[in-house]
N, C-alpha and C. Protein backbone atom coordinates (compact mmCIF):
# COMPACT_ATOMS: atom_id res chain seq x y z
N MET A 1 -132.79 76.60 -150.00
CA MET A 1 -133.93 77.57 -150.87
C MET A 1 -134.38 78.90 -149.90
N SER A 2 -134.01 79.76 -150.10
CA SER A 2 -134.63 81.34 -149.23
C SER A 2 -136.06 81.49 -149.88
N ARG A 3 -136.77 82.19 -148.89
CA ARG A 3 -137.98 82.54 -149.54
C ARG A 3 -138.02 83.78 -150.40
N LEU A 4 -139.00 84.44 -150.97
CA LEU A 4 -138.84 84.99 -151.67
C LEU A 4 -139.36 86.48 -150.86
N ARG A 5 -139.10 87.50 -150.88
CA ARG A 5 -138.75 88.82 -150.25
C ARG A 5 -140.41 89.58 -150.99
N VAL A 6 -141.46 89.41 -150.21
CA VAL A 6 -142.56 90.47 -150.58
C VAL A 6 -142.65 91.45 -149.31
N ALA A 7 -142.93 92.56 -149.71
CA ALA A 7 -142.94 93.85 -149.39
C ALA A 7 -144.27 94.93 -149.42
N LEU A 8 -145.30 94.88 -148.60
CA LEU A 8 -146.39 95.64 -149.06
C LEU A 8 -146.15 97.48 -148.92
N THR A 9 -146.29 98.14 -149.23
CA THR A 9 -146.70 99.38 -148.49
C THR A 9 -147.16 100.24 -148.01
N ARG A 10 -148.75 99.35 -148.01
CA ARG A 10 -149.84 99.61 -147.07
C ARG A 10 -150.56 98.15 -146.74
N ARG A 11 -151.07 98.45 -145.45
CA ARG A 11 -151.82 97.68 -144.74
C ARG A 11 -152.87 96.27 -146.13
N TRP A 12 -152.55 95.09 -145.53
CA TRP A 12 -154.13 94.26 -147.01
C TRP A 12 -154.80 94.17 -145.86
N PRO A 13 -156.10 93.07 -146.35
CA PRO A 13 -156.17 92.47 -145.33
C PRO A 13 -155.58 91.14 -144.56
N ALA A 14 -156.48 91.28 -143.35
CA ALA A 14 -155.79 90.81 -142.29
C ALA A 14 -155.52 88.86 -143.02
N ALA A 15 -156.18 88.26 -143.65
CA ALA A 15 -156.44 86.96 -143.95
C ALA A 15 -155.53 86.51 -144.91
N VAL A 16 -155.05 88.21 -146.34
CA VAL A 16 -154.11 88.01 -147.16
C VAL A 16 -152.71 87.95 -145.97
N GLU A 17 -152.92 88.75 -145.21
CA GLU A 17 -151.39 89.21 -145.24
C GLU A 17 -150.45 88.11 -144.19
N THR A 18 -151.83 87.46 -143.94
CA THR A 18 -151.26 86.06 -142.88
C THR A 18 -150.63 85.04 -143.84
N GLU A 19 -151.66 84.56 -144.92
CA GLU A 19 -151.03 83.79 -146.19
C GLU A 19 -149.84 84.58 -146.91
N LEU A 20 -149.58 85.76 -147.27
CA LEU A 20 -148.86 85.96 -147.57
C LEU A 20 -147.07 85.72 -146.62
N ALA A 21 -147.11 86.15 -145.42
CA ALA A 21 -146.23 85.86 -144.35
C ALA A 21 -145.94 84.17 -144.28
N ALA A 22 -146.94 83.38 -144.59
CA ALA A 22 -146.65 82.07 -144.72
C ALA A 22 -145.56 81.77 -145.60
N ARG A 23 -146.11 82.15 -146.22
CA ARG A 23 -145.00 81.65 -148.10
C ARG A 23 -143.83 82.45 -147.95
N PHE A 24 -143.89 83.59 -148.49
CA PHE A 24 -142.77 84.43 -148.06
C PHE A 24 -142.24 85.51 -147.24
N GLU A 25 -141.36 85.45 -147.28
CA GLU A 25 -140.27 86.32 -145.97
C GLU A 25 -141.27 87.89 -146.41
N LEU A 26 -141.87 88.55 -145.47
CA LEU A 26 -142.99 89.86 -145.77
C LEU A 26 -142.39 90.99 -144.45
N ARG A 27 -142.52 91.90 -145.00
CA ARG A 27 -142.45 93.18 -144.88
C ARG A 27 -143.80 94.05 -144.13
N THR A 28 -144.18 94.41 -143.61
CA THR A 28 -145.59 95.44 -144.46
C THR A 28 -145.65 96.00 -143.23
N ASN A 29 -146.73 97.67 -143.50
CA ASN A 29 -146.29 98.57 -143.23
C ASN A 29 -147.34 98.75 -141.75
N PRO A 30 -146.71 98.72 -140.60
CA PRO A 30 -147.93 98.80 -140.08
C PRO A 30 -148.49 100.09 -139.01
N THR A 31 -148.24 101.05 -139.68
CA THR A 31 -148.73 102.46 -138.99
C THR A 31 -149.85 102.72 -140.40
N ASP A 32 -149.75 101.73 -141.75
CA ASP A 32 -150.00 102.13 -142.49
C ASP A 32 -150.25 103.80 -143.20
N GLU A 33 -149.54 104.06 -143.10
CA GLU A 33 -149.45 106.06 -143.48
C GLU A 33 -148.76 105.52 -144.82
N PRO A 34 -148.69 106.50 -145.30
CA PRO A 34 -148.13 106.50 -147.14
C PRO A 34 -146.53 107.00 -146.28
N LEU A 35 -145.56 105.85 -147.24
CA LEU A 35 -143.92 105.93 -146.92
C LEU A 35 -143.84 106.68 -147.87
N THR A 36 -142.66 107.18 -147.59
CA THR A 36 -141.20 108.42 -148.05
C THR A 36 -140.62 107.76 -149.06
N ALA A 37 -140.30 108.47 -150.00
CA ALA A 37 -139.35 108.38 -151.61
C ALA A 37 -138.11 107.02 -150.45
N VAL A 38 -137.65 107.71 -149.48
CA VAL A 38 -136.55 107.08 -148.78
C VAL A 38 -136.65 105.67 -148.53
N GLU A 39 -138.18 105.87 -147.89
CA GLU A 39 -138.83 104.55 -147.12
C GLU A 39 -138.72 103.73 -148.00
N LEU A 40 -139.55 104.20 -149.74
CA LEU A 40 -139.93 103.35 -150.54
C LEU A 40 -138.78 102.27 -151.43
N ALA A 41 -137.24 103.42 -151.46
CA ALA A 41 -136.18 102.70 -151.95
C ALA A 41 -135.70 101.86 -150.91
N ALA A 42 -135.66 101.85 -150.08
CA ALA A 42 -135.18 100.59 -148.95
C ALA A 42 -135.68 99.35 -149.19
N LEU A 43 -137.00 99.70 -149.30
CA LEU A 43 -137.94 98.85 -149.57
C LEU A 43 -137.82 97.89 -151.10
N LEU A 44 -137.46 98.63 -152.19
CA LEU A 44 -136.68 98.37 -153.73
C LEU A 44 -135.81 97.89 -153.22
N ALA A 45 -134.88 98.30 -152.34
CA ALA A 45 -133.32 97.53 -152.58
C ALA A 45 -133.33 96.05 -151.34
N TRP A 46 -134.05 96.00 -150.80
CA TRP A 46 -134.88 95.16 -149.92
C TRP A 46 -135.32 93.74 -150.98
N ALA A 47 -136.68 93.88 -151.56
CA ALA A 47 -137.63 93.34 -151.53
C ALA A 47 -137.59 93.05 -153.35
N ASP A 48 -138.22 91.08 -153.45
CA ASP A 48 -137.53 90.15 -154.40
C ASP A 48 -139.00 91.29 -155.59
N VAL A 49 -140.30 91.30 -154.37
CA VAL A 49 -142.04 91.85 -154.92
C VAL A 49 -142.25 92.74 -154.17
N LEU A 50 -142.26 94.17 -154.88
CA LEU A 50 -142.91 95.07 -154.47
C LEU A 50 -143.76 95.56 -154.66
N CYS A 51 -145.11 95.71 -153.28
CA CYS A 51 -146.67 95.80 -153.80
C CYS A 51 -147.98 97.27 -153.32
N PRO A 52 -147.18 97.71 -154.64
CA PRO A 52 -147.59 99.41 -153.97
C PRO A 52 -148.75 99.56 -154.43
N THR A 53 -149.60 100.85 -153.40
CA THR A 53 -150.82 100.95 -153.72
C THR A 53 -151.12 102.38 -154.55
N VAL A 54 -152.43 102.65 -154.81
CA VAL A 54 -152.33 103.93 -155.27
C VAL A 54 -151.54 105.22 -154.45
N THR A 55 -151.25 105.13 -153.39
CA THR A 55 -150.58 106.41 -151.91
C THR A 55 -149.43 106.30 -152.62
N ASP A 56 -148.54 105.45 -153.32
CA ASP A 56 -146.96 105.64 -153.52
C ASP A 56 -146.61 106.07 -154.75
N ARG A 57 -145.83 106.56 -154.64
CA ARG A 57 -145.05 107.25 -155.81
C ARG A 57 -143.98 107.25 -156.25
N LEU A 58 -143.75 105.75 -157.34
CA LEU A 58 -143.09 105.26 -157.77
C LEU A 58 -142.85 105.37 -159.29
N ASP A 59 -141.89 106.70 -159.40
CA ASP A 59 -141.43 107.13 -160.28
C ASP A 59 -140.50 107.36 -160.64
N ALA A 60 -139.64 108.06 -161.74
CA ALA A 60 -138.07 107.76 -162.58
C ALA A 60 -137.34 108.33 -161.21
N ALA A 61 -137.59 109.16 -160.91
CA ALA A 61 -136.45 109.96 -159.80
C ALA A 61 -136.46 108.73 -158.69
N LEU A 62 -137.11 108.33 -158.50
CA LEU A 62 -136.80 107.22 -157.36
C LEU A 62 -135.90 106.11 -157.87
N PHE A 63 -136.18 105.66 -158.68
CA PHE A 63 -135.41 104.52 -158.88
C PHE A 63 -133.89 104.88 -159.87
N GLU A 64 -134.20 106.31 -160.60
CA GLU A 64 -132.62 106.04 -160.80
C GLU A 64 -131.98 106.47 -159.13
N ALA A 65 -132.90 106.92 -158.42
CA ALA A 65 -131.08 107.44 -157.11
C ALA A 65 -130.94 106.51 -156.52
N LEU A 66 -131.97 105.31 -157.18
CA LEU A 66 -131.14 103.91 -156.47
C LEU A 66 -130.20 103.35 -157.27
N PRO A 67 -128.70 102.62 -156.95
CA PRO A 67 -127.85 102.15 -157.49
C PRO A 67 -128.65 101.10 -158.10
N ALA A 68 -127.70 100.43 -159.31
CA ALA A 68 -128.56 99.90 -160.69
C ALA A 68 -128.30 97.95 -159.49
N ALA A 69 -127.07 98.20 -158.57
CA ALA A 69 -126.79 96.88 -157.66
C ALA A 69 -127.24 96.72 -156.98
N GLN A 70 -128.34 97.90 -156.37
CA GLN A 70 -129.41 97.57 -155.21
C GLN A 70 -130.23 97.61 -155.71
N GLN A 71 -130.88 97.71 -156.44
CA GLN A 71 -131.70 97.20 -157.05
C GLN A 71 -132.45 96.11 -157.42
N THR A 72 -132.63 95.07 -155.97
CA THR A 72 -133.34 93.94 -156.10
C THR A 72 -134.82 93.52 -156.49
N THR A 73 -135.66 94.87 -156.64
CA THR A 73 -137.26 93.88 -156.90
C THR A 73 -137.15 93.64 -157.99
N ARG A 74 -137.86 92.61 -158.18
CA ARG A 74 -138.15 91.76 -159.74
C ARG A 74 -139.55 92.23 -160.33
N LEU A 75 -140.50 92.78 -159.22
CA LEU A 75 -142.01 93.03 -159.51
C LEU A 75 -142.25 93.38 -158.82
N LEU A 76 -143.34 94.31 -159.58
CA LEU A 76 -144.39 95.16 -159.05
C LEU A 76 -145.72 94.70 -159.25
N ALA A 77 -146.29 94.20 -157.78
CA ALA A 77 -147.81 93.63 -157.87
C ALA A 77 -148.48 95.18 -157.45
N ASN A 78 -149.36 96.13 -158.38
CA ASN A 78 -149.97 97.13 -157.43
C ASN A 78 -151.14 96.40 -156.85
N PHE A 79 -151.69 96.56 -156.05
CA PHE A 79 -152.66 96.49 -155.37
C PHE A 79 -153.08 97.65 -155.64
N GLY A 80 -154.70 97.95 -156.03
CA GLY A 80 -155.71 98.43 -156.46
C GLY A 80 -155.79 99.00 -157.96
N VAL A 81 -156.91 99.99 -158.32
CA VAL A 81 -156.84 99.93 -159.46
C VAL A 81 -156.65 101.31 -160.13
N GLY A 82 -155.62 101.23 -161.69
CA GLY A 82 -154.45 102.41 -161.90
C GLY A 82 -153.43 101.84 -161.93
N PHE A 83 -152.60 102.23 -162.44
CA PHE A 83 -151.18 102.47 -162.16
C PHE A 83 -150.23 103.95 -163.02
N ASN A 84 -151.29 104.54 -162.93
CA ASN A 84 -150.48 106.29 -163.32
C ASN A 84 -149.58 106.98 -162.11
N HIS A 85 -149.32 106.25 -160.75
CA HIS A 85 -148.59 106.11 -159.57
C HIS A 85 -147.14 105.87 -160.30
N ILE A 86 -146.90 104.57 -160.78
CA ILE A 86 -145.90 103.93 -161.59
C ILE A 86 -145.86 104.42 -162.76
């Protein structure tokens, strides 16, 4: 069985990233710069779990622009306080 695909939109503590990489197929954001809508859409199409932060704008337009057949993400696991960016 394949491992779950997890995407982090920003850097997390090194120990956490190491543990996630050991358990899941992990994509990180090595530059730690805010991602564009195009980059976020690409992660939504790839990841089973997307871990956004407050710097990520996940609005209706982002989800509507991605065809339903390409929407792979099943869970948004927010890292931070609040959820008004989603």
